[in-house]
PDB file of all heavy atoms in Angstrom:
ATOM      1  N   GLY A   1     107.134  89.115 103.195  1.00  0.00           N
ATOM      2  CA  GLY A   1     107.998  89.434 102.076  1.00  0.00           C
ATOM      3  C   GLY A   1     107.365  89.201 100.715  1.00  0.00           C
ATOM      4  O   GLY A   1     106.434  88.420 100.565  1.00  0.00           O
ATOM      5  N   SER A   2     107.863  89.926  99.738  1.00  0.00           N
ATOM      6  CA  SER A   2     107.475  89.748  98.331  1.00  0.00           C
ATOM      7  C   SER A   2     108.758  89.874  97.528  1.00  0.00           C
ATOM      8  O   SER A   2     109.021  90.894  96.903  1.00  0.00           O
ATOM      9  CB  SER A   2     106.446  90.802  97.911  1.00  0.00           C
ATOM     10  OG  SER A   2     106.907  92.103  98.198  1.00  0.00           O
ATOM     11  N   VAL A   3     109.564  88.831  97.574  1.00  0.00           N
ATOM     12  CA  VAL A   3     110.932  88.882  97.072  1.00  0.00           C
ATOM     13  C   VAL A   3     110.985  89.229  95.584  1.00  0.00           C
ATOM     14  O   VAL A   3     111.696  90.155  95.179  1.00  0.00           O
ATOM     15  CB  VAL A   3     111.652  87.538  97.328  1.00  0.00           C
ATOM     16  CG1 VAL A   3     113.066  87.577  96.750  1.00  0.00           C
ATOM     17  CG2 VAL A   3     111.703  87.241  98.818  1.00  0.00           C
ATOM     18  N   LEU A   4     110.227  88.524  94.760  1.00  0.00           N
ATOM     19  CA  LEU A   4     110.281  88.766  93.316  1.00  0.00           C
ATOM     20  C   LEU A   4     109.807  90.178  92.993  1.00  0.00           C
ATOM     21  O   LEU A   4     110.415  90.875  92.173  1.00  0.00           O
ATOM     22  CB  LEU A   4     109.434  87.741  92.564  1.00  0.00           C
ATOM     23  CG  LEU A   4     109.537  87.811  91.040  1.00  0.00           C
ATOM     24  CD1 LEU A   4     110.933  87.414  90.581  1.00  0.00           C
ATOM     25  CD2 LEU A   4     108.491  86.925  90.379  1.00  0.00           C
ATOM     26  N   GLY A   5     108.735  90.610  93.638  1.00  0.00           N
ATOM     27  CA  GLY A   5     108.234  91.956  93.412  1.00  0.00           C
ATOM     28  C   GLY A   5     109.251  93.012  93.795  1.00  0.00           C
ATOM     29  O   GLY A   5     109.451  93.999  93.070  1.00  0.00           O
ATOM     30  N   ASP A   6     109.930  92.833  94.941  1.00  0.00           N
ATOM     31  CA  ASP A   6     110.937  93.802  95.383  1.00  0.00           C
ATOM     32  C   ASP A   6     112.107  93.854  94.403  1.00  0.00           C
ATOM     33  O   ASP A   6     112.623  94.925  94.086  1.00  0.00           O
ATOM     34  CB  ASP A   6     111.450  93.437  96.778  1.00  0.00           C
ATOM     35  CG  ASP A   6     110.452  93.795  97.872  1.00  0.00           C
ATOM     36  OD1 ASP A   6     109.575  94.640  97.612  1.00  0.00           O
ATOM     37  OD2 ASP A   6     110.542  93.225  98.974  1.00  0.00           O
ATOM     38  N   LEU A   7     112.532  92.693  93.910  1.00  0.00           N
ATOM     39  CA  LEU A   7     113.651  92.662  92.968  1.00  0.00           C
ATOM     40  C   LEU A   7     113.305  93.404  91.675  1.00  0.00           C
ATOM     41  O   LEU A   7     114.105  94.183  91.161  1.00  0.00           O
ATOM     42  CB  LEU A   7     114.033  91.211  92.647  1.00  0.00           C
ATOM     43  CG  LEU A   7     114.688  90.412  93.776  1.00  0.00           C
ATOM     44  CD1 LEU A   7     114.828  88.947  93.361  1.00  0.00           C
ATOM     45  CD2 LEU A   7     116.048  90.984  94.143  1.00  0.00           C
ATOM     46  N   CYS A   8     112.082  93.165  91.174  1.00  0.00           N
ATOM     47  CA  CYS A   8     111.691  93.774  89.897  1.00  0.00           C
ATOM     48  C   CYS A   8     111.317  95.246  90.044  1.00  0.00           C
ATOM     49  O   CYS A   8     111.523  96.038  89.118  1.00  0.00           O
ATOM     50  CB  CYS A   8     110.518  93.004  89.284  1.00  0.00           C
ATOM     51  SG  CYS A   8     110.933  91.308  88.798  1.00  0.00           S
ATOM     52  N   ASP A   9     110.768  95.610  91.186  1.00  0.00           N
ATOM     53  CA  ASP A   9     110.326  96.996  91.373  1.00  0.00           C
ATOM     54  C   ASP A   9     111.490  97.974  91.464  1.00  0.00           C
ATOM     55  O   ASP A   9     111.280  99.185  91.346  1.00  0.00           O
ATOM     56  CB  ASP A   9     109.463  97.109  92.629  1.00  0.00           C
ATOM     57  CG  ASP A   9     108.069  96.525  92.418  1.00  0.00           C
ATOM     58  OD1 ASP A   9     107.722  96.277  91.252  1.00  0.00           O
ATOM     59  OD2 ASP A   9     107.362  96.304  93.414  1.00  0.00           O
ATOM     60  N   HIS A  10     112.681  97.471  91.694  1.00  0.00           N
ATOM     61  CA  HIS A  10     113.840  98.357  91.798  1.00  0.00           C
ATOM     62  C   HIS A  10     114.675  98.361  90.515  1.00  0.00           C
ATOM     63  O   HIS A  10     115.854  98.691  90.523  1.00  0.00           O
ATOM     64  CB  HIS A  10     114.699  97.977  93.009  1.00  0.00           C
ATOM     65  CG  HIS A  10     114.061  98.370  94.310  1.00  0.00           C
ATOM     66  ND1 HIS A  10     113.092  97.612  94.913  1.00  0.00           N
ATOM     67  CD2 HIS A  10     114.227  99.470  95.081  1.00  0.00           C
ATOM     68  CE1 HIS A  10     112.695  98.215  96.026  1.00  0.00           C
ATOM     69  NE2 HIS A  10     113.361  99.337  96.147  1.00  0.00           N
ATOM     70  N   VAL A  11     114.013  97.980  89.417  1.00  0.00           N
ATOM     71  CA  VAL A  11     114.644  98.034  88.099  1.00  0.00           C
ATOM     72  C   VAL A  11     114.025  99.197  87.330  1.00  0.00           C
ATOM     73  O   VAL A  11     112.802  99.287  87.215  1.00  0.00           O
ATOM     74  CB  VAL A  11     114.429  96.707  87.336  1.00  0.00           C
ATOM     75  CG1 VAL A  11     114.935  96.822  85.916  1.00  0.00           C
ATOM     76  CG2 VAL A  11     115.136  95.571  88.067  1.00  0.00           C
ATOM     77  N   PRO A  12     114.827 100.123  86.810  1.00  0.00           N
ATOM     78  CA  PRO A  12     114.282 101.275  86.080  1.00  0.00           C
ATOM     79  C   PRO A  12     113.668 100.868  84.742  1.00  0.00           C
ATOM     80  O   PRO A  12     113.847  99.739  84.271  1.00  0.00           O
ATOM     81  CB  PRO A  12     115.502 102.179  85.885  1.00  0.00           C
ATOM     82  CG  PRO A  12     116.667 101.242  85.913  1.00  0.00           C
ATOM     83  CD  PRO A  12     116.306 100.163  86.891  1.00  0.00           C
ATOM     84  N   ASP A  13     112.949 101.798  84.117  1.00  0.00           N
ATOM     85  CA  ASP A  13     112.297 101.524  82.833  1.00  0.00           C
ATOM     86  C   ASP A  13     113.319 101.236  81.726  1.00  0.00           C
ATOM     87  O   ASP A  13     113.056 100.453  80.814  1.00  0.00           O
ATOM     88  CB  ASP A  13     111.425 102.712  82.422  1.00  0.00           C
ATOM     89  CG  ASP A  13     110.220 102.880  83.337  1.00  0.00           C
ATOM     90  OD1 ASP A  13     109.800 101.875  83.933  1.00  0.00           O
ATOM     91  OD2 ASP A  13     109.707 104.010  83.457  1.00  0.00           O
ATOM     92  N   ARG A  14     114.463 101.909  81.804  1.00  0.00           N
ATOM     93  CA  ARG A  14     115.523 101.692  80.795  1.00  0.00           C
ATOM     94  C   ARG A  14     116.746 101.139  81.543  1.00  0.00           C
ATOM     95  O   ARG A  14     117.674 101.875  81.878  1.00  0.00           O
ATOM     96  CB  ARG A  14     115.849 102.990  80.083  1.00  0.00           C
ATOM     97  CG  ARG A  14     114.645 103.574  79.355  1.00  0.00           C
ATOM     98  CD  ARG A  14     115.050 104.541  78.255  1.00  0.00           C
ATOM     99  NE  ARG A  14     115.802 105.673  78.777  1.00  0.00           N
ATOM    100  CZ  ARG A  14     116.400 106.594  78.012  1.00  0.00           C
ATOM    101  NH1 ARG A  14     116.347 106.481  76.687  1.00  0.00           N
ATOM    102  NH2 ARG A  14     117.032 107.610  78.553  1.00  0.00           N
ATOM    103  N   PRO A  15     116.754  99.807  81.774  1.00  0.00           N
ATOM    104  CA  PRO A  15     117.734  99.253  82.711  1.00  0.00           C
ATOM    105  C   PRO A  15     119.095  98.890  82.145  1.00  0.00           C
ATOM    106  O   PRO A  15     120.067  98.777  82.905  1.00  0.00           O
ATOM    107  CB  PRO A  15     117.034  97.979  83.198  1.00  0.00           C
ATOM    108  CG  PRO A  15     116.212  97.536  82.022  1.00  0.00           C
ATOM    109  CD  PRO A  15     115.780  98.796  81.338  1.00  0.00           C
ATOM    110  N   TYR A  16     119.218  98.697  80.818  1.00  0.00           N
ATOM    111  CA  TYR A  16     120.385  97.983  80.324  1.00  0.00           C
ATOM    112  C   TYR A  16     121.522  98.912  79.907  1.00  0.00           C
ATOM    113  O   TYR A  16     121.367  99.794  79.059  1.00  0.00           O
ATOM    114  CB  TYR A  16     119.988  97.074  79.164  1.00  0.00           C
ATOM    115  CG  TYR A  16     118.970  96.042  79.565  1.00  0.00           C
ATOM    116  CD1 TYR A  16     117.782  95.897  78.867  1.00  0.00           C
ATOM    117  CD2 TYR A  16     119.182  95.227  80.690  1.00  0.00           C
ATOM    118  CE1 TYR A  16     116.835  94.953  79.251  1.00  0.00           C
ATOM    119  CE2 TYR A  16     118.235  94.297  81.078  1.00  0.00           C
ATOM    120  CZ  TYR A  16     117.068  94.161  80.365  1.00  0.00           C
ATOM    121  OH  TYR A  16     116.139  93.238  80.761  1.00  0.00           O
ATOM    122  N   ALA A  17     122.657  98.650  80.529  1.00  0.00           N
ATOM    123  CA  ALA A  17     123.874  99.422  80.248  1.00  0.00           C
ATOM    124  C   ALA A  17     124.412  99.066  78.859  1.00  0.00           C
ATOM    125  O   ALA A  17     124.089  97.996  78.312  1.00  0.00           O
ATOM    126  CB  ALA A  17     124.935  99.114  81.307  1.00  0.00           C
ATOM    127  N   PRO A  18     125.240  99.927  78.264  1.00  0.00           N
ATOM    128  CA  PRO A  18     125.809  99.629  76.934  1.00  0.00           C
ATOM    129  C   PRO A  18     126.522  98.285  76.880  1.00  0.00           C
ATOM    130  O   PRO A  18     126.442  97.570  75.872  1.00  0.00           O
ATOM    131  CB  PRO A  18     126.781 100.793  76.709  1.00  0.00           C
ATOM    132  CG  PRO A  18     126.207 101.912  77.512  1.00  0.00           C
ATOM    133  CD  PRO A  18     125.619 101.273  78.735  1.00  0.00           C
ATOM    134  N   GLU A  19     127.205  97.917  77.963  1.00  0.00           N
ATOM    135  CA  GLU A  19     127.917  96.641  77.991  1.00  0.00           C
ATOM    136  C   GLU A  19     126.946  95.459  77.881  1.00  0.00           C
ATOM    137  O   GLU A  19     127.233  94.455  77.223  1.00  0.00           O
ATOM    138  CB  GLU A  19     128.743  96.516  79.283  1.00  0.00           C
ATOM    139  CG  GLU A  19     129.870  97.529  79.410  1.00  0.00           C
ATOM    140  CD  GLU A  19     129.373  98.889  79.893  1.00  0.00           C
ATOM    141  OE1 GLU A  19     128.166  98.996  80.262  1.00  0.00           O
ATOM    142  OE2 GLU A  19     130.171  99.843  79.882  1.00  0.00           O
ATOM    143  N   THR A  20     125.800  95.566  78.566  1.00  0.00           N
ATOM    144  CA  THR A  20     124.790  94.512  78.506  1.00  0.00           C
ATOM    145  C   THR A  20     124.213  94.395  77.097  1.00  0.00           C
ATOM    146  O   THR A  20     124.047  93.291  76.559  1.00  0.00           O
ATOM    147  CB  THR A  20     123.658  94.787  79.507  1.00  0.00           C
ATOM    148  OG1 THR A  20     124.209  94.898  80.824  1.00  0.00           O
ATOM    149  CG2 THR A  20     122.620  93.680  79.480  1.00  0.00           C
ATOM    150  N   CYS A  21     123.912  95.535  76.488  1.00  0.00           N
ATOM    151  CA  CYS A  21     123.369  95.542  75.128  1.00  0.00           C
ATOM    152  C   CYS A  21     124.344  94.908  74.146  1.00  0.00           C
ATOM    153  O   CYS A  21     123.949  94.140  73.260  1.00  0.00           O
ATOM    154  CB  CYS A  21     123.043  96.974  74.706  1.00  0.00           C
ATOM    155  SG  CYS A  21     121.770  97.763  75.731  1.00  0.00           S
ATOM    156  N   ALA A  22     125.620  95.216  74.315  1.00  0.00           N
ATOM    157  CA  ALA A  22     126.641  94.657  73.430  1.00  0.00           C
ATOM    158  C   ALA A  22     126.751  93.150  73.624  1.00  0.00           C
ATOM    159  O   ALA A  22     126.903  92.387  72.657  1.00  0.00           O
ATOM    160  CB  ALA A  22     127.984  95.335  73.700  1.00  0.00           C
ATOM    161  N   TRP A  23     126.655  92.687  74.883  1.00  0.00           N
ATOM    162  CA  TRP A  23     126.737  91.242  75.170  1.00  0.00           C
ATOM    163  C   TRP A  23     125.553  90.502  74.545  1.00  0.00           C
ATOM    164  O   TRP A  23     125.723  89.434  73.946  1.00  0.00           O
ATOM    165  CB  TRP A  23     126.765  91.012  76.674  1.00  0.00           C
ATOM    166  CG  TRP A  23     126.847  89.553  77.030  1.00  0.00           C
ATOM    167  CD1 TRP A  23     127.961  88.791  77.157  1.00  0.00           C
ATOM    168  CD2 TRP A  23     125.726  88.687  77.264  1.00  0.00           C
ATOM    169  NE1 TRP A  23     127.623  87.495  77.462  1.00  0.00           N
ATOM    170  CE2 TRP A  23     126.257  87.397  77.530  1.00  0.00           C
ATOM    171  CE3 TRP A  23     124.352  88.865  77.285  1.00  0.00           C
ATOM    172  CZ2 TRP A  23     125.442  86.307  77.818  1.00  0.00           C
ATOM    173  CZ3 TRP A  23     123.535  87.776  77.556  1.00  0.00           C
ATOM    174  CH2 TRP A  23     124.087  86.513  77.820  1.00  0.00           C
ATOM    175  N   VAL A  24     124.351  91.061  74.687  1.00  0.00           N
ATOM    176  CA  VAL A  24     123.160  90.424  74.115  1.00  0.00           C
ATOM    177  C   VAL A  24     123.291  90.309  72.600  1.00  0.00           C
ATOM    178  O   VAL A  24     122.985  89.267  72.007  1.00  0.00           O
ATOM    179  CB  VAL A  24     121.890  91.223  74.492  1.00  0.00           C
ATOM    180  CG1 VAL A  24     120.679  90.715  73.707  1.00  0.00           C
ATOM    181  CG2 VAL A  24     121.621  91.125  75.984  1.00  0.00           C
ATOM    182  N   GLN A  25     123.783  91.354  71.966  1.00  0.00           N
ATOM    183  CA  GLN A  25     123.922  91.332  70.510  1.00  0.00           C
ATOM    184  C   GLN A  25     124.953  90.298  70.080  1.00  0.00           C
ATOM    185  O   GLN A  25     124.745  89.548  69.116  1.00  0.00           O
ATOM    186  CB  GLN A  25     124.317  92.718  69.996  1.00  0.00           C
ATOM    187  CG  GLN A  25     124.378  92.790  68.467  1.00  0.00           C
ATOM    188  CD  GLN A  25     124.592  94.197  67.958  1.00  0.00           C
ATOM    189  OE1 GLN A  25     124.603  95.151  68.739  1.00  0.00           O
ATOM    190  NE2 GLN A  25     124.785  94.345  66.658  1.00  0.00           N
ATOM    191  N   ALA A  26     126.071  90.222  70.808  1.00  0.00           N
ATOM    192  CA  ALA A  26     127.119  89.258  70.464  1.00  0.00           C
ATOM    193  C   ALA A  26     126.656  87.818  70.690  1.00  0.00           C
ATOM    194  O   ALA A  26     126.984  86.910  69.923  1.00  0.00           O
ATOM    195  CB  ALA A  26     128.376  89.550  71.275  1.00  0.00           C
ATOM    196  N   ALA A  27     125.865  87.613  71.769  1.00  0.00           N
ATOM    197  CA  ALA A  27     125.457  86.256  72.139  1.00  0.00           C
ATOM    198  C   ALA A  27     124.280  85.752  71.316  1.00  0.00           C
ATOM    199  O   ALA A  27     124.169  84.545  71.038  1.00  0.00           O
ATOM    200  CB  ALA A  27     125.110  86.207  73.625  1.00  0.00           C
ATOM    201  N   THR A  28     123.377  86.665  70.910  1.00  0.00           N
ATOM    202  CA  THR A  28     122.138  86.227  70.266  1.00  0.00           C
ATOM    203  C   THR A  28     121.910  86.826  68.883  1.00  0.00           C
ATOM    204  O   THR A  28     121.029  86.355  68.148  1.00  0.00           O
ATOM    205  CB  THR A  28     120.924  86.603  71.139  1.00  0.00           C
ATOM    206  OG1 THR A  28     120.777  88.033  71.163  1.00  0.00           O
ATOM    207  CG2 THR A  28     121.090  86.096  72.558  1.00  0.00           C
ATOM    208  N   GLY A  29     122.634  87.882  68.569  1.00  0.00           N
ATOM    209  CA  GLY A  29     122.401  88.570  67.307  1.00  0.00           C
ATOM    210  C   GLY A  29     121.254  89.563  67.367  1.00  0.00           C
ATOM    211  O   GLY A  29     120.936  90.215  66.363  1.00  0.00           O
ATOM    212  N   GLN A  30     120.617  89.684  68.543  1.00  0.00           N
ATOM    213  CA  GLN A  30     119.482  90.583  68.705  1.00  0.00           C
ATOM    214  C   GLN A  30     119.950  91.961  69.199  1.00  0.00           C
ATOM    215  O   GLN A  30     120.826  92.048  70.067  1.00  0.00           O
ATOM    216  CB  GLN A  30     118.479  90.021  69.716  1.00  0.00           C
ATOM    217  CG  GLN A  30     117.875  88.691  69.301  1.00  0.00           C
ATOM    218  CD  GLN A  30     117.049  88.812  68.036  1.00  0.00           C
ATOM    219  OE1 GLN A  30     116.203  89.686  67.920  1.00  0.00           O
ATOM    220  NE2 GLN A  30     117.306  87.920  67.080  1.00  0.00           N
ATOM    221  N   ILE A  31     119.361  93.005  68.632  1.00  0.00           N
ATOM    222  CA  ILE A  31     119.671  94.365  69.061  1.00  0.00           C
ATOM    223  C   ILE A  31     118.541  94.853  69.959  1.00  0.00           C
ATOM    224  O   ILE A  31     117.374  94.888  69.534  1.00  0.00           O
ATOM    225  CB  ILE A  31     119.832  95.306  67.844  1.00  0.00           C
ATOM    226  CG1 ILE A  31     120.985  94.818  66.958  1.00  0.00           C
ATOM    227  CG2 ILE A  31     120.069  96.744  68.296  1.00  0.00           C
ATOM    228  CD1 ILE A  31     121.142  95.623  65.673  1.00  0.00           C
ATOM    229  N   LEU A  32     118.855  95.166  71.192  1.00  0.00           N
ATOM    230  CA  LEU A  32     117.827  95.624  72.122  1.00  0.00           C
ATOM    231  C   LEU A  32     117.273  96.972  71.672  1.00  0.00           C
ATOM    232  O   LEU A  32     118.030  97.845  71.231  1.00  0.00           O
ATOM    233  CB  LEU A  32     118.402  95.738  73.539  1.00  0.00           C
ATOM    234  CG  LEU A  32     118.847  94.427  74.192  1.00  0.00           C
ATOM    235  CD1 LEU A  32     119.376  94.681  75.596  1.00  0.00           C
ATOM    236  CD2 LEU A  32     117.695  93.437  74.246  1.00  0.00           C
ATOM    237  N   PRO A  33     115.949  97.176  71.770  1.00  0.00           N
ATOM    238  CA  PRO A  33     115.339  98.435  71.310  1.00  0.00           C
ATOM    239  C   PRO A  33     115.737  99.613  72.187  1.00  0.00           C
ATOM    240  O   PRO A  33     116.101  99.432  73.361  1.00  0.00           O
ATOM    241  CB  PRO A  33     113.838  98.146  71.409  1.00  0.00           C
ATOM    242  CG  PRO A  33     113.721  97.069  72.435  1.00  0.00           C
ATOM    243  CD  PRO A  33     114.950  96.226  72.288  1.00  0.00           C
ATOM    244  N   PRO A  34     115.674 100.813  71.649  1.00  0.00           N
ATOM    245  CA  PRO A  34     116.102 102.010  72.399  1.00  0.00           C
ATOM    246  C   PRO A  34     115.362 102.210  73.710  1.00  0.00           C
ATOM    247  O   PRO A  34     115.943 102.734  74.669  1.00  0.00           O
ATOM    248  CB  PRO A  34     115.803 103.150  71.417  1.00  0.00           C
ATOM    249  CG  PRO A  34     115.786 102.511  70.065  1.00  0.00           C
ATOM    250  CD  PRO A  34     115.276 101.125  70.268  1.00  0.00           C
ATOM    251  N   GLN A  35     114.091 101.788  73.787  1.00  0.00           N
ATOM    252  CA  GLN A  35     113.309 102.052  74.992  1.00  0.00           C
ATOM    253  C   GLN A  35     113.778 101.280  76.227  1.00  0.00           C
ATOM    254  O   GLN A  35     113.345 101.582  77.340  1.00  0.00           O
ATOM    255  CB  GLN A  35     111.820 101.786  74.771  1.00  0.00           C
ATOM    256  CG  GLN A  35     111.467 100.383  74.300  1.00  0.00           C
ATOM    257  CD  GLN A  35     111.344 100.310  72.793  1.00  0.00           C
ATOM    258  OE1 GLN A  35     112.080 100.990  72.079  1.00  0.00           O
ATOM    259  NE2 GLN A  35     110.410  99.502  72.305  1.00  0.00           N
ATOM    260  N   VAL A  36     114.660 100.287  76.053  1.00  0.00           N
ATOM    261  CA  VAL A  36     115.196  99.587  77.229  1.00  0.00           C
ATOM    262  C   VAL A  36     116.680  99.865  77.427  1.00  0.00           C
ATOM    263  O   VAL A  36     117.290  99.347  78.373  1.00  0.00           O
ATOM    264  CB  VAL A  36     114.955  98.064  77.140  1.00  0.00           C
ATOM    265  CG1 VAL A  36     113.471  97.751  77.057  1.00  0.00           C
ATOM    266  CG2 VAL A  36     115.711  97.443  75.977  1.00  0.00           C
ATOM    267  N   ARG A  37     117.267 100.679  76.565  1.00  0.00           N
ATOM    268  CA  ARG A  37     118.684 101.014  76.683  1.00  0.00           C
ATOM    269  C   ARG A  37     118.862 102.221  77.598  1.00  0.00           C
ATOM    270  O   ARG A  37     118.179 103.230  77.432  1.00  0.00           O
ATOM    271  CB  ARG A  37     119.280 101.338  75.316  1.00  0.00           C
ATOM    272  CG  ARG A  37     119.390 100.157  74.367  1.00  0.00           C
ATOM    273  CD  ARG A  37     119.734 100.643  72.962  1.00  0.00           C
ATOM    274  NE  ARG A  37     120.074  99.543  72.074  1.00  0.00           N
ATOM    275  CZ  ARG A  37     121.325  99.185  71.776  1.00  0.00           C
ATOM    276  NH1 ARG A  37     122.345  99.862  72.284  1.00  0.00           N
ATOM    277  NH2 ARG A  37     121.548  98.173  70.972  1.00  0.00           N
ATOM    278  N   ALA A  38     119.754 102.114  78.560  1.00  0.00           N
ATOM    279  CA  ALA A  38     120.023 103.236  79.454  1.00  0.00           C
ATOM    280  C   ALA A  38     120.693 104.376  78.687  1.00  0.00           C
ATOM    281  O   ALA A  38     121.563 104.136  77.841  1.00  0.00           O
ATOM    282  CB  ALA A  38     120.910 102.787  80.604  1.00  0.00           C
ATOM    283  N   GLY A  39     120.248 105.594  78.980  1.00  0.00           N
ATOM    284  CA  GLY A  39     120.844 106.760  78.365  1.00  0.00           C
ATOM    285  C   GLY A  39     122.087 107.207  79.114  1.00  0.00           C
ATOM    286  O   GLY A  39     122.420 106.666  80.173  1.00  0.00           O
ATOM    287  N   PRO A  40     122.778 108.209  78.596  1.00  0.00           N
ATOM    288  CA  PRO A  40     124.027 108.689  79.215  1.00  0.00           C
ATOM    289  C   PRO A  40     123.847 109.147  80.655  1.00  0.00           C
ATOM    290  O   PRO A  40     124.761 109.026  81.465  1.00  0.00           O
ATOM    291  CB  PRO A  40     124.452 109.845  78.305  1.00  0.00           C
ATOM    292  CG  PRO A  40     123.760 109.584  77.009  1.00  0.00           C
ATOM    293  CD  PRO A  40     122.470 108.926  77.345  1.00  0.00           C
ATOM    294  N   THR A  41     122.657 109.669  80.992  1.00  0.00           N
ATOM    295  CA  THR A  41     122.430 110.192  82.352  1.00  0.00           C
ATOM    296  C   THR A  41     121.634 109.224  83.225  1.00  0.00           C
ATOM    297  O   THR A  41     121.352 109.532  84.380  1.00  0.00           O
ATOM    298  CB  THR A  41     121.688 111.532  82.278  1.00  0.00           C
ATOM    299  OG1 THR A  41     120.424 111.336  81.628  1.00  0.00           O
ATOM    300  CG2 THR A  41     122.498 112.560  81.507  1.00  0.00           C
ATOM    301  N   ASP A  42     121.247 108.058  82.678  1.00  0.00           N
ATOM    302  CA  ASP A  42     120.460 107.095  83.460  1.00  0.00           C
ATOM    303  C   ASP A  42     121.353 106.341  84.434  1.00  0.00           C
ATOM    304  O   ASP A  42     122.514 106.023  84.140  1.00  0.00           O
ATOM    305  CB  ASP A  42     119.773 106.082  82.535  1.00  0.00           C
ATOM    306  CG  ASP A  42     118.663 106.708  81.724  1.00  0.00           C
ATOM    307  OD1 ASP A  42     118.056 107.676  82.218  1.00  0.00           O
ATOM    308  OD2 ASP A  42     118.408 106.238  80.600  1.00  0.00           O
ATOM    309  N   THR A  43     120.772 106.035  85.592  1.00  0.00           N
ATOM    310  CA  THR A  43     121.469 105.235  86.599  1.00  0.00           C
ATOM    311  C   THR A  43     121.192 103.753  86.341  1.00  0.00           C
ATOM    312  O   THR A  43     120.036 103.359  86.179  1.00  0.00           O
ATOM    313  CB  THR A  43     121.002 105.600  88.011  1.00  0.00           C
ATOM    314  OG1 THR A  43     121.252 106.989  88.247  1.00  0.00           O
ATOM    315  CG2 THR A  43     121.740 104.764  89.057  1.00  0.00           C
ATOM    316  N   VAL A  44     122.226 102.950  86.269  1.00  0.00           N
ATOM    317  CA  VAL A  44     122.067 101.506  86.092  1.00  0.00           C
ATOM    318  C   VAL A  44     122.648 100.788  87.294  1.00  0.00           C
ATOM    319  O   VAL A  44     123.469 101.332  88.018  1.00  0.00           O
ATOM    320  CB  VAL A  44     122.743 101.011  84.796  1.00  0.00           C
ATOM    321  CG1 VAL A  44     122.113 101.650  83.577  1.00  0.00           C
ATOM    322  CG2 VAL A  44     124.236 101.281  84.825  1.00  0.00           C
TER     323      VAL A  44
END
């Protein structure tokens, strides 16, 4: 097994749903960059 590798390899390039982005901004004040934000047609 390669547990950590398997967990990370199944994460897309733009993984974060709008709800996650909103939570990060509310919790930390940081705005996640567009390149990690899931688009309307991306699967999260």
